[in-house]
Amino acid sequence: LPIPAVRRRLRLADGLTQRQLAETLQ
C-alpha cells in the first residue's frame, strides 16, 4: 500500500469521504 499520507491524498483527490470508503469496504 502507499504510505498513509498518500492514501488520504488519493481519497481527497477524488472527493471521497472516510464514511464513503468505510461503507464501500464494509
PDB file of all heavy atoms in Angstrom:
ATOM      1  N   LEU A   1       0.842  -1.189   0.000  1.00  0.00           N
ATOM      2  CA  LEU A   1       0.000   0.000   0.000  1.00  0.00           C
ATOM      3  C   LEU A   1       0.879   1.241   0.000  1.00  0.00           C
ATOM      4  O   LEU A   1       2.004   1.206   0.496  1.00  0.00           O
ATOM      5  CB  LEU A   1      -0.870   0.011   1.256  1.00  0.00           C
ATOM      6  CG  LEU A   1      -1.860  -1.131   1.423  1.00  0.00           C
ATOM      7  CD1 LEU A   1      -2.481  -1.083   2.808  1.00  0.00           C
ATOM      8  CD2 LEU A   1      -2.935  -1.058   0.368  1.00  0.00           C
ATOM      9  N   PRO A   2       0.363   2.347  -0.521  1.00  0.00           N
ATOM     10  CA  PRO A   2       1.122   3.589  -0.401  1.00  0.00           C
ATOM     11  C   PRO A   2       1.194   4.010   1.065  1.00  0.00           C
ATOM     12  O   PRO A   2       0.441   3.503   1.908  1.00  0.00           O
ATOM     13  CB  PRO A   2       0.316   4.593  -1.226  1.00  0.00           C
ATOM     14  CG  PRO A   2      -1.011   3.986  -1.451  1.00  0.00           C
ATOM     15  CD  PRO A   2      -0.886   2.514  -1.235  1.00  0.00           C
ATOM     16  N   ILE A   3       2.082   4.938   1.355  1.00  0.00           N
ATOM     17  CA  ILE A   3       2.191   5.410   2.733  1.00  0.00           C
ATOM     18  C   ILE A   3       0.873   6.060   3.149  1.00  0.00           C
ATOM     19  O   ILE A   3       0.089   6.514   2.297  1.00  0.00           O
ATOM     20  CB  ILE A   3       3.379   6.370   2.909  1.00  0.00           C
ATOM     21  CG1 ILE A   3       3.195   7.631   2.073  1.00  0.00           C
ATOM     22  CG2 ILE A   3       4.697   5.671   2.590  1.00  0.00           C
ATOM     23  CD1 ILE A   3       4.210   8.723   2.383  1.00  0.00           C
ATOM     24  N   PRO A   4       0.599   6.125   4.448  1.00  0.00           N
ATOM     25  CA  PRO A   4      -0.693   6.651   4.908  1.00  0.00           C
ATOM     26  C   PRO A   4      -1.041   8.040   4.372  1.00  0.00           C
ATOM     27  O   PRO A   4      -2.185   8.278   3.992  1.00  0.00           O
ATOM     28  CB  PRO A   4      -0.532   6.648   6.431  1.00  0.00           C
ATOM     29  CG  PRO A   4       0.374   5.480   6.686  1.00  0.00           C
ATOM     30  CD  PRO A   4       1.368   5.539   5.559  1.00  0.00           C
ATOM     31  N   ALA A   5      -0.079   8.942   4.311  1.00  0.00           N
ATOM     32  CA  ALA A   5      -0.380  10.300   3.825  1.00  0.00           C
ATOM     33  C   ALA A   5      -0.867  10.281   2.377  1.00  0.00           C
ATOM     34  O   ALA A   5      -1.761  11.050   2.003  1.00  0.00           O
ATOM     35  CB  ALA A   5       0.857  11.190   3.957  1.00  0.00           C
ATOM     36  N   VAL A   6      -0.318   9.409   1.567  1.00  0.00           N
ATOM     37  CA  VAL A   6      -0.739   9.305   0.168  1.00  0.00           C
ATOM     38  C   VAL A   6      -2.124   8.667   0.089  1.00  0.00           C
ATOM     39  O   VAL A   6      -2.954   9.047  -0.753  1.00  0.00           O
ATOM     40  CB  VAL A   6       0.297   8.531  -0.667  1.00  0.00           C
ATOM     41  CG1 VAL A   6      -0.219   8.234  -2.066  1.00  0.00           C
ATOM     42  CG2 VAL A   6       1.604   9.310  -0.736  1.00  0.00           C
ATOM     43  N   ARG A   7      -2.419   7.735   0.959  1.00  0.00           N
ATOM     44  CA  ARG A   7      -3.763   7.125   0.990  1.00  0.00           C
ATOM     45  C   ARG A   7      -4.821   8.206   1.166  1.00  0.00           C
ATOM     46  O   ARG A   7      -5.833   8.238   0.460  1.00  0.00           O
ATOM     47  CB  ARG A   7      -3.868   6.117   2.139  1.00  0.00           C
ATOM     48  CG  ARG A   7      -2.915   4.969   2.059  1.00  0.00           C
ATOM     49  CD  ARG A   7      -2.961   4.140   3.324  1.00  0.00           C
ATOM     50  NE  ARG A   7      -1.792   3.280   3.408  1.00  0.00           N
ATOM     51  CZ  ARG A   7      -1.507   2.496   4.434  1.00  0.00           C
ATOM     52  NH1 ARG A   7      -2.316   2.437   5.466  1.00  0.00           N
ATOM     53  NH2 ARG A   7      -0.427   1.755   4.442  1.00  0.00           N
ATOM     54  N   ARG A   8      -4.571   9.099   2.121  1.00  0.00           N
ATOM     55  CA  ARG A   8      -5.510  10.179   2.408  1.00  0.00           C
ATOM     56  C   ARG A   8      -5.612  11.121   1.213  1.00  0.00           C
ATOM     57  O   ARG A   8      -6.713  11.526   0.816  1.00  0.00           O
ATOM     58  CB  ARG A   8      -5.048  10.932   3.657  1.00  0.00           C
ATOM     59  CG  ARG A   8      -5.957  12.074   4.051  1.00  0.00           C
ATOM     60  CD  ARG A   8      -5.469  12.723   5.362  1.00  0.00           C
ATOM     61  NE  ARG A   8      -6.397  13.729   5.802  1.00  0.00           N
ATOM     62  CZ  ARG A   8      -6.370  15.013   5.402  1.00  0.00           C
ATOM     63  NH1 ARG A   8      -5.459  15.423   4.546  1.00  0.00           N
ATOM     64  NH2 ARG A   8      -7.259  15.860   5.848  1.00  0.00           N
ATOM     65  N   ARG A   9      -4.470  11.490   0.631  1.00  0.00           N
ATOM     66  CA  ARG A   9      -4.476  12.400  -0.515  1.00  0.00           C
ATOM     67  C   ARG A   9      -5.241  11.811  -1.692  1.00  0.00           C
ATOM     68  O   ARG A   9      -5.948  12.534  -2.395  1.00  0.00           O
ATOM     69  CB  ARG A   9      -3.046  12.738  -0.925  1.00  0.00           C
ATOM     70  CG  ARG A   9      -2.397  13.718   0.033  1.00  0.00           C
ATOM     71  CD  ARG A   9      -1.014  14.138  -0.331  1.00  0.00           C
ATOM     72  NE  ARG A   9      -0.698  14.023  -1.726  1.00  0.00           N
ATOM     73  CZ  ARG A   9       0.534  14.038  -2.203  1.00  0.00           C
ATOM     74  NH1 ARG A   9       1.544  14.165  -1.401  1.00  0.00           N
ATOM     75  NH2 ARG A   9       0.752  13.935  -3.492  1.00  0.00           N
ATOM     76  N   LEU A  10      -5.105  10.525  -1.921  1.00  0.00           N
ATOM     77  CA  LEU A  10      -5.833   9.886  -3.023  1.00  0.00           C
ATOM     78  C   LEU A  10      -7.338   9.955  -2.789  1.00  0.00           C
ATOM     79  O   LEU A  10      -8.107  10.249  -3.711  1.00  0.00           O
ATOM     80  CB  LEU A  10      -5.374   8.436  -3.194  1.00  0.00           C
ATOM     81  CG  LEU A  10      -3.993   8.262  -3.802  1.00  0.00           C
ATOM     82  CD1 LEU A  10      -3.527   6.814  -3.659  1.00  0.00           C
ATOM     83  CD2 LEU A  10      -3.992   8.681  -5.265  1.00  0.00           C
ATOM     84  N   ARG A  11      -7.744   9.694  -1.557  1.00  0.00           N
ATOM     85  CA  ARG A  11      -9.172   9.751  -1.236  1.00  0.00           C
ATOM     86  C   ARG A  11      -9.702  11.161  -1.452  1.00  0.00           C
ATOM     87  O   ARG A  11     -10.737  11.372  -2.101  1.00  0.00           O
ATOM     88  CB  ARG A  11      -9.412   9.303   0.214  1.00  0.00           C
ATOM     89  CG  ARG A  11     -10.869   9.452   0.655  1.00  0.00           C
ATOM     90  CD  ARG A  11     -11.094   9.044   2.089  1.00  0.00           C
ATOM     91  NE  ARG A  11     -10.290   9.755   3.062  1.00  0.00           N
ATOM     92  CZ  ARG A  11     -10.544  10.990   3.505  1.00  0.00           C
ATOM     93  NH1 ARG A  11     -11.571  11.687   3.027  1.00  0.00           N
ATOM     94  NH2 ARG A  11      -9.768  11.556   4.415  1.00  0.00           N
ATOM     95  N   LEU A  12      -8.970  12.144  -0.925  1.00  0.00           N
ATOM     96  CA  LEU A  12      -9.411  13.531  -1.039  1.00  0.00           C
ATOM     97  C   LEU A  12      -9.393  14.016  -2.485  1.00  0.00           C
ATOM     98  O   LEU A  12     -10.262  14.799  -2.889  1.00  0.00           O
ATOM     99  CB  LEU A  12      -8.531  14.433  -0.165  1.00  0.00           C
ATOM    100  CG  LEU A  12      -8.674  14.219   1.349  1.00  0.00           C
ATOM    101  CD1 LEU A  12      -7.646  15.040   2.104  1.00  0.00           C
ATOM    102  CD2 LEU A  12     -10.089  14.526   1.806  1.00  0.00           C
ATOM    103  N   ALA A  13      -8.429  13.572  -3.268  1.00  0.00           N
ATOM    104  CA  ALA A  13      -8.342  13.981  -4.678  1.00  0.00           C
ATOM    105  C   ALA A  13      -9.586  13.564  -5.447  1.00  0.00           C
ATOM    106  O   ALA A  13      -9.980  14.235  -6.406  1.00  0.00           O
ATOM    107  CB  ALA A  13      -7.096  13.378  -5.324  1.00  0.00           C
ATOM    108  N   ASP A  14     -10.214  12.489  -5.023  1.00  0.00           N
ATOM    109  CA  ASP A  14     -11.428  12.028  -5.701  1.00  0.00           C
ATOM    110  C   ASP A  14     -12.693  12.543  -5.020  1.00  0.00           C
ATOM    111  O   ASP A  14     -13.794  12.180  -5.419  1.00  0.00           O
ATOM    112  CB  ASP A  14     -11.442  10.496  -5.760  1.00  0.00           C
ATOM    113  CG  ASP A  14     -12.257   9.977  -6.932  1.00  0.00           C
ATOM    114  OD1 ASP A  14     -11.957  10.375  -8.080  1.00  0.00           O
ATOM    115  OD2 ASP A  14     -13.194   9.191  -6.701  1.00  0.00           O
ATOM    116  N   GLY A  15     -12.530  13.342  -3.981  1.00  0.00           N
ATOM    117  CA  GLY A  15     -13.690  13.916  -3.299  1.00  0.00           C
ATOM    118  C   GLY A  15     -14.458  12.924  -2.450  1.00  0.00           C
ATOM    119  O   GLY A  15     -15.648  13.114  -2.193  1.00  0.00           O
ATOM    120  N   LEU A  16     -13.802  11.872  -2.022  1.00  0.00           N
ATOM    121  CA  LEU A  16     -14.463  10.846  -1.209  1.00  0.00           C
ATOM    122  C   LEU A  16     -14.285  11.140   0.274  1.00  0.00           C
ATOM    123  O   LEU A  16     -13.259  11.667   0.693  1.00  0.00           O
ATOM    124  CB  LEU A  16     -13.886   9.467  -1.527  1.00  0.00           C
ATOM    125  CG  LEU A  16     -14.064   8.978  -2.960  1.00  0.00           C
ATOM    126  CD1 LEU A  16     -13.245   7.722  -3.197  1.00  0.00           C
ATOM    127  CD2 LEU A  16     -15.539   8.733  -3.251  1.00  0.00           C
ATOM    128  N   THR A  17     -15.282  10.752   1.045  1.00  0.00           N
ATOM    129  CA  THR A  17     -15.186  10.883   2.498  1.00  0.00           C
ATOM    130  C   THR A  17     -14.737   9.553   3.101  1.00  0.00           C
ATOM    131  O   THR A  17     -14.835   8.496   2.456  1.00  0.00           O
ATOM    132  CB  THR A  17     -16.545  11.265   3.121  1.00  0.00           C
ATOM    133  OG1 THR A  17     -17.465  10.171   2.921  1.00  0.00           O
ATOM    134  CG2 THR A  17     -17.108  12.546   2.500  1.00  0.00           C
ATOM    135  N   GLN A  18     -14.276   9.630   4.329  1.00  0.00           N
ATOM    136  CA  GLN A  18     -13.911   8.397   5.033  1.00  0.00           C
ATOM    137  C   GLN A  18     -15.149   7.505   5.191  1.00  0.00           C
ATOM    138  O   GLN A  18     -15.044   6.286   5.091  1.00  0.00           O
ATOM    139  CB  GLN A  18     -13.293   8.711   6.395  1.00  0.00           C
ATOM    140  CG  GLN A  18     -11.916   9.324   6.276  1.00  0.00           C
ATOM    141  CD  GLN A  18     -11.325   9.728   7.612  1.00  0.00           C
ATOM    142  OE1 GLN A  18     -12.041   9.939   8.585  1.00  0.00           O
ATOM    143  NE2 GLN A  18     -10.010   9.847   7.651  1.00  0.00           N
ATOM    144  N   ARG A  19     -16.284   8.120   5.404  1.00  0.00           N
ATOM    145  CA  ARG A  19     -17.526   7.348   5.545  1.00  0.00           C
ATOM    146  C   ARG A  19     -17.846   6.591   4.261  1.00  0.00           C
ATOM    147  O   ARG A  19     -18.245   5.428   4.298  1.00  0.00           O
ATOM    148  CB  ARG A  19     -18.690   8.252   5.938  1.00  0.00           C
ATOM    149  CG  ARG A  19     -20.012   7.497   6.104  1.00  0.00           C
ATOM    150  CD  ARG A  19     -21.098   8.313   6.751  1.00  0.00           C
ATOM    151  NE  ARG A  19     -20.801   8.759   8.085  1.00  0.00           N
ATOM    152  CZ  ARG A  19     -20.793   7.991   9.179  1.00  0.00           C
ATOM    153  NH1 ARG A  19     -21.053   6.717   9.072  1.00  0.00           N
ATOM    154  NH2 ARG A  19     -20.525   8.497  10.364  1.00  0.00           N
ATOM    155  N   GLN A  20     -17.669   7.211   3.105  1.00  0.00           N
ATOM    156  CA  GLN A  20     -17.931   6.534   1.833  1.00  0.00           C
ATOM    157  C   GLN A  20     -17.009   5.327   1.648  1.00  0.00           C
ATOM    158  O   GLN A  20     -17.465   4.267   1.226  1.00  0.00           O
ATOM    159  CB  GLN A  20     -17.745   7.510   0.663  1.00  0.00           C
ATOM    160  CG  GLN A  20     -18.840   8.535   0.539  1.00  0.00           C
ATOM    161  CD  GLN A  20     -18.520   9.569  -0.514  1.00  0.00           C
ATOM    162  OE1 GLN A  20     -17.484  10.214  -0.468  1.00  0.00           O
ATOM    163  NE2 GLN A  20     -19.427   9.720  -1.479  1.00  0.00           N
ATOM    164  N   LEU A  21     -15.729   5.506   1.959  1.00  0.00           N
ATOM    165  CA  LEU A  21     -14.800   4.379   1.864  1.00  0.00           C
ATOM    166  C   LEU A  21     -15.199   3.281   2.828  1.00  0.00           C
ATOM    167  O   LEU A  21     -15.188   2.099   2.477  1.00  0.00           O
ATOM    168  CB  LEU A  21     -13.363   4.830   2.160  1.00  0.00           C
ATOM    169  CG  LEU A  21     -12.472   5.026   0.957  1.00  0.00           C
ATOM    170  CD1 LEU A  21     -12.956   6.108   0.050  1.00  0.00           C
ATOM    171  CD2 LEU A  21     -11.056   5.272   1.410  1.00  0.00           C
ATOM    172  N   ALA A  22     -15.549   3.684   4.038  1.00  0.00           N
ATOM    173  CA  ALA A  22     -15.928   2.700   5.064  1.00  0.00           C
ATOM    174  C   ALA A  22     -17.148   1.896   4.622  1.00  0.00           C
ATOM    175  O   ALA A  22     -17.175   0.671   4.768  1.00  0.00           O
ATOM    176  CB  ALA A  22     -16.201   3.409   6.393  1.00  0.00           C
ATOM    177  N   GLU A  23     -18.135   2.566   4.064  1.00  0.00           N
ATOM    178  CA  GLU A  23     -19.333   1.862   3.602  1.00  0.00           C
ATOM    179  C   GLU A  23     -19.000   0.911   2.459  1.00  0.00           C
ATOM    180  O   GLU A  23     -19.490  -0.211   2.420  1.00  0.00           O
ATOM    181  CB  GLU A  23     -20.401   2.869   3.178  1.00  0.00           C
ATOM    182  CG  GLU A  23     -21.026   3.603   4.350  1.00  0.00           C
ATOM    183  CD  GLU A  23     -21.952   4.733   3.937  1.00  0.00           C
ATOM    184  OE1 GLU A  23     -22.116   4.988   2.720  1.00  0.00           O
ATOM    185  OE2 GLU A  23     -22.505   5.389   4.846  1.00  0.00           O
ATOM    186  N   THR A  24     -18.155   1.362   1.543  1.00  0.00           N
ATOM    187  CA  THR A  24     -17.784   0.526   0.398  1.00  0.00           C
ATOM    188  C   THR A  24     -16.999  -0.702   0.847  1.00  0.00           C
ATOM    189  O   THR A  24     -17.244  -1.811   0.370  1.00  0.00           O
ATOM    190  CB  THR A  24     -16.947   1.337  -0.610  1.00  0.00           C
ATOM    191  OG1 THR A  24     -17.745   2.440  -1.056  1.00  0.00           O
ATOM    192  CG2 THR A  24     -16.514   0.494  -1.783  1.00  0.00           C
ATOM    193  N   LEU A  25     -16.057  -0.501   1.766  1.00  0.00           N
ATOM    194  CA  LEU A  25     -15.202  -1.598   2.230  1.00  0.00           C
ATOM    195  C   LEU A  25     -15.815  -2.373   3.400  1.00  0.00           C
ATOM    196  O   LEU A  25     -15.227  -3.337   3.877  1.00  0.00           O
ATOM    197  CB  LEU A  25     -13.818  -1.053   2.620  1.00  0.00           C
ATOM    198  CG  LEU A  25     -13.034  -0.430   1.467  1.00  0.00           C
ATOM    199  CD1 LEU A  25     -11.780   0.256   1.982  1.00  0.00           C
ATOM    200  CD2 LEU A  25     -12.687  -1.480   0.423  1.00  0.00           C
ATOM    201  N   GLN A  26     -16.971  -1.913   3.865  1.00  0.00           N
ATOM    202  CA  GLN A  26     -17.697  -2.560   4.959  1.00  0.00           C
ATOM    203  C   GLN A  26     -16.876  -2.609   6.245  1.00  0.00           C
ATOM    204  O   GLN A  26     -16.737  -3.650   6.891  1.00  0.00           O
ATOM    205  CB  GLN A  26     -18.183  -3.944   4.539  1.00  0.00           C
ATOM    206  CG  GLN A  26     -19.109  -3.881   3.351  1.00  0.00           C
ATOM    207  CD  GLN A  26     -19.566  -5.236   2.858  1.00  0.00           C
ATOM    208  OE1 GLN A  26     -19.273  -6.266   3.455  1.00  0.00           O
ATOM    209  NE2 GLN A  26     -20.288  -5.259   1.768  1.00  0.00           N
TER     210      GLN A  26
END
